[in-house]
Amino acid sequence: MRGLVDRKGEQFGYLVGNLLYTLDGEPTGRLEGDFIVDTEGNPTWRVLGDGVYTLDGNETIGFFTEEKPVEYQ
């Protein structure tokens, strides 16, 4: 699992495998190559390294945190 944090460092989502979820556990999209696509397959953000940007690359959305094991309770 990798957290998705905004520019202020606040987490607003997380990635498990290639699936992106909200903090409420709702699937919101997936990582496909260098893009995050929504649940319908439409590109929404560009991914470069750990950075997440608008499709044109002009604005930073946030960053992925380092990989952490998924903890089950």
N, C-alpha and C. Protein backbone atom coordinates (compact mmCIF):
# COMPACT_ATOMS: atom_id res chain seq x y z
N MET A 1 0.84 -1.17 0.00
CA MET A 1 0.00 0.00 0.00
C MET A 1 0.89 1.24 0.00
N ARG A 2 0.45 2.24 -0.76
CA ARG A 2 1.12 3.53 -0.78
C ARG A 2 0.07 4.61 -0.56
N GLY A 3 0.34 5.53 0.36
CA GLY A 3 -0.57 6.63 0.59
C GLY A 3 -0.46 7.65 -0.53
N LEU A 4 -1.52 8.39 -0.76
CA LEU A 4 -1.52 9.52 -1.69
C LEU A 4 -1.76 10.77 -0.87
N VAL A 5 -0.75 11.64 -0.81
CA VAL A 5 -0.82 12.85 0.01
C VAL A 5 -0.83 14.08 -0.89
N ASP A 6 -1.49 15.13 -0.41
CA ASP A 6 -1.51 16.38 -1.17
C ASP A 6 -0.23 17.17 -0.92
N ARG A 7 -0.15 18.36 -1.49
CA ARG A 7 1.06 19.18 -1.37
C ARG A 7 1.33 19.63 0.06
N LYS A 8 0.33 19.60 0.92
CA LYS A 8 0.50 19.97 2.32
C LYS A 8 0.89 18.77 3.18
N GLY A 9 0.93 17.59 2.57
CA GLY A 9 1.30 16.38 3.30
C GLY A 9 0.13 15.65 3.93
N GLU A 10 -1.10 16.04 3.59
CA GLU A 10 -2.28 15.39 4.14
C GLU A 10 -2.73 14.27 3.21
N GLN A 11 -2.89 13.09 3.77
CA GLN A 11 -3.30 11.95 2.96
C GLN A 11 -4.75 12.07 2.57
N PHE A 12 -5.04 11.78 1.28
CA PHE A 12 -6.43 11.82 0.82
C PHE A 12 -6.82 10.58 0.05
N GLY A 13 -5.90 9.63 -0.08
CA GLY A 13 -6.20 8.39 -0.76
C GLY A 13 -5.07 7.41 -0.55
N TYR A 14 -5.23 6.21 -1.11
CA TYR A 14 -4.17 5.22 -1.03
C TYR A 14 -4.27 4.24 -2.20
N LEU A 15 -3.14 3.68 -2.53
CA LEU A 15 -3.00 2.77 -3.66
C LEU A 15 -2.66 1.39 -3.12
N VAL A 16 -3.45 0.39 -3.49
CA VAL A 16 -3.17 -1.00 -3.15
C VAL A 16 -3.03 -1.73 -4.48
N GLY A 17 -1.82 -2.22 -4.75
CA GLY A 17 -1.57 -2.76 -6.08
C GLY A 17 -1.68 -1.63 -7.07
N ASN A 18 -2.60 -1.74 -8.01
CA ASN A 18 -2.81 -0.64 -8.95
C ASN A 18 -4.16 0.05 -8.74
N LEU A 19 -4.87 -0.29 -7.66
CA LEU A 19 -6.19 0.29 -7.39
C LEU A 19 -6.08 1.46 -6.42
N LEU A 20 -6.74 2.57 -6.75
CA LEU A 20 -6.73 3.78 -5.93
C LEU A 20 -8.04 3.88 -5.16
N TYR A 21 -7.94 4.16 -3.87
CA TYR A 21 -9.10 4.26 -2.99
C TYR A 21 -9.12 5.61 -2.28
N THR A 22 -10.32 6.04 -1.88
CA THR A 22 -10.46 7.18 -0.98
C THR A 22 -10.12 6.71 0.43
N LEU A 23 -10.01 7.61 1.37
CA LEU A 23 -9.75 7.23 2.76
C LEU A 23 -10.92 6.45 3.36
N ASP A 24 -12.09 6.54 2.75
CA ASP A 24 -13.25 5.79 3.20
C ASP A 24 -13.29 4.38 2.62
N GLY A 25 -12.27 4.03 1.83
CA GLY A 25 -12.20 2.70 1.25
C GLY A 25 -12.98 2.52 -0.04
N GLU A 26 -13.44 3.62 -0.62
CA GLU A 26 -14.18 3.55 -1.88
C GLU A 26 -13.21 3.55 -3.06
N PRO A 27 -13.34 2.60 -3.98
CA PRO A 27 -12.46 2.63 -5.15
C PRO A 27 -12.76 3.86 -5.99
N THR A 28 -11.71 4.54 -6.42
CA THR A 28 -11.89 5.77 -7.17
C THR A 28 -11.19 5.75 -8.52
N GLY A 29 -10.31 4.78 -8.72
CA GLY A 29 -9.59 4.68 -9.99
C GLY A 29 -8.49 3.65 -9.89
N ARG A 30 -7.59 3.71 -10.87
CA ARG A 30 -6.47 2.78 -10.88
C ARG A 30 -5.29 3.40 -11.60
N LEU A 31 -4.12 2.85 -11.30
CA LEU A 31 -2.88 3.27 -11.94
C LEU A 31 -2.70 2.43 -13.19
N GLU A 32 -2.60 3.09 -14.33
CA GLU A 32 -2.35 2.42 -15.61
C GLU A 32 -1.17 3.11 -16.27
N GLY A 33 -0.02 2.45 -16.22
CA GLY A 33 1.18 3.06 -16.79
C GLY A 33 1.53 4.33 -16.04
N ASP A 34 1.59 5.43 -16.76
CA ASP A 34 1.93 6.73 -16.17
C ASP A 34 0.71 7.59 -15.86
N PHE A 35 -0.46 6.96 -15.72
CA PHE A 35 -1.68 7.72 -15.49
C PHE A 35 -2.54 7.08 -14.41
N ILE A 36 -3.27 7.93 -13.69
CA ILE A 36 -4.37 7.49 -12.85
C ILE A 36 -5.61 7.68 -13.70
N VAL A 37 -6.38 6.62 -13.83
CA VAL A 37 -7.64 6.70 -14.58
C VAL A 37 -8.78 6.50 -13.61
N ASP A 38 -9.93 7.08 -13.92
CA ASP A 38 -11.09 6.93 -13.05
C ASP A 38 -11.70 5.54 -13.26
N THR A 39 -12.80 5.27 -12.57
CA THR A 39 -13.41 3.94 -12.63
C THR A 39 -13.96 3.61 -14.02
N GLU A 40 -14.10 4.61 -14.87
CA GLU A 40 -14.58 4.39 -16.23
C GLU A 40 -13.44 4.31 -17.24
N GLY A 41 -12.20 4.45 -16.76
CA GLY A 41 -11.04 4.36 -17.64
C GLY A 41 -10.57 5.66 -18.23
N ASN A 42 -11.14 6.79 -17.78
CA ASN A 42 -10.74 8.11 -18.30
C ASN A 42 -9.53 8.62 -17.53
N PRO A 43 -8.46 9.04 -18.21
CA PRO A 43 -7.29 9.58 -17.52
C PRO A 43 -7.66 10.83 -16.72
N THR A 44 -7.19 10.88 -15.47
CA THR A 44 -7.47 12.05 -14.63
C THR A 44 -6.20 12.74 -14.19
N TRP A 45 -5.14 11.98 -13.90
CA TRP A 45 -3.87 12.55 -13.46
C TRP A 45 -2.71 11.83 -14.12
N ARG A 46 -1.60 12.53 -14.22
CA ARG A 46 -0.35 11.95 -14.74
C ARG A 46 0.56 11.62 -13.57
N VAL A 47 1.24 10.48 -13.64
CA VAL A 47 2.16 10.05 -12.58
C VAL A 47 3.57 10.04 -13.15
N LEU A 48 4.47 10.78 -12.49
CA LEU A 48 5.88 10.82 -12.88
C LEU A 48 6.69 10.50 -11.62
N GLY A 49 7.28 9.33 -11.56
CA GLY A 49 7.97 8.90 -10.35
C GLY A 49 6.96 8.75 -9.24
N ASP A 50 7.18 9.43 -8.13
CA ASP A 50 6.24 9.42 -7.01
C ASP A 50 5.27 10.59 -7.06
N GLY A 51 5.44 11.49 -8.03
CA GLY A 51 4.59 12.67 -8.13
C GLY A 51 3.34 12.43 -8.94
N VAL A 52 2.26 13.09 -8.54
CA VAL A 52 0.98 13.02 -9.24
C VAL A 52 0.64 14.44 -9.69
N TYR A 53 0.37 14.60 -10.98
CA TYR A 53 0.19 15.92 -11.58
C TYR A 53 -1.08 15.96 -12.42
N THR A 54 -1.51 17.19 -12.75
CA THR A 54 -2.59 17.33 -13.71
C THR A 54 -2.14 16.71 -15.02
N LEU A 55 -3.08 16.43 -15.91
CA LEU A 55 -2.74 15.77 -17.17
C LEU A 55 -1.72 16.55 -17.98
N ASP A 56 -1.77 17.89 -17.93
CA ASP A 56 -0.81 18.68 -18.68
C ASP A 56 0.53 18.84 -17.95
N GLY A 57 0.59 18.34 -16.71
CA GLY A 57 1.82 18.39 -15.93
C GLY A 57 2.14 19.73 -15.31
N ASN A 58 1.23 20.70 -15.43
CA ASN A 58 1.49 22.06 -14.94
C ASN A 58 1.22 22.26 -13.45
N GLU A 59 0.44 21.36 -12.83
CA GLU A 59 0.09 21.53 -11.42
C GLU A 59 0.30 20.23 -10.67
N THR A 60 0.89 20.33 -9.50
CA THR A 60 1.12 19.16 -8.66
C THR A 60 -0.14 18.86 -7.86
N ILE A 61 -0.61 17.62 -7.94
CA ILE A 61 -1.74 17.17 -7.14
C ILE A 61 -1.24 16.66 -5.80
N GLY A 62 -0.18 15.85 -5.84
CA GLY A 62 0.36 15.30 -4.61
C GLY A 62 1.46 14.29 -4.91
N PHE A 63 1.69 13.41 -3.95
CA PHE A 63 2.77 12.44 -4.06
C PHE A 63 2.36 11.13 -3.43
N PHE A 64 2.92 10.03 -3.92
CA PHE A 64 2.74 8.73 -3.29
C PHE A 64 3.81 8.55 -2.21
N THR A 65 3.41 7.99 -1.08
CA THR A 65 4.35 7.68 -0.02
C THR A 65 5.09 6.40 -0.38
N GLU A 66 6.07 6.06 0.44
CA GLU A 66 6.79 4.81 0.21
C GLU A 66 5.85 3.64 0.49
N GLU A 67 6.21 2.50 -0.06
CA GLU A 67 5.43 1.26 0.10
C GLU A 67 5.37 0.85 1.57
N LYS A 68 4.17 0.51 2.04
CA LYS A 68 4.00 0.01 3.40
C LYS A 68 3.15 -1.26 3.33
N PRO A 69 3.42 -2.22 4.20
CA PRO A 69 2.58 -3.44 4.18
C PRO A 69 1.15 -3.12 4.57
N VAL A 70 0.21 -3.82 3.96
CA VAL A 70 -1.19 -3.66 4.32
C VAL A 70 -1.41 -4.39 5.63
N GLU A 71 -1.97 -3.70 6.61
CA GLU A 71 -2.21 -4.30 7.92
C GLU A 71 -3.67 -4.71 8.03
N TYR A 72 -3.88 -5.93 8.43
CA TYR A 72 -5.23 -6.44 8.61
C TYR A 72 -5.55 -6.48 10.10
N GLN A 73 -6.77 -6.13 10.45
CA GLN A 73 -7.17 -6.13 11.86
C GLN A 73 -8.25 -7.17 12.09
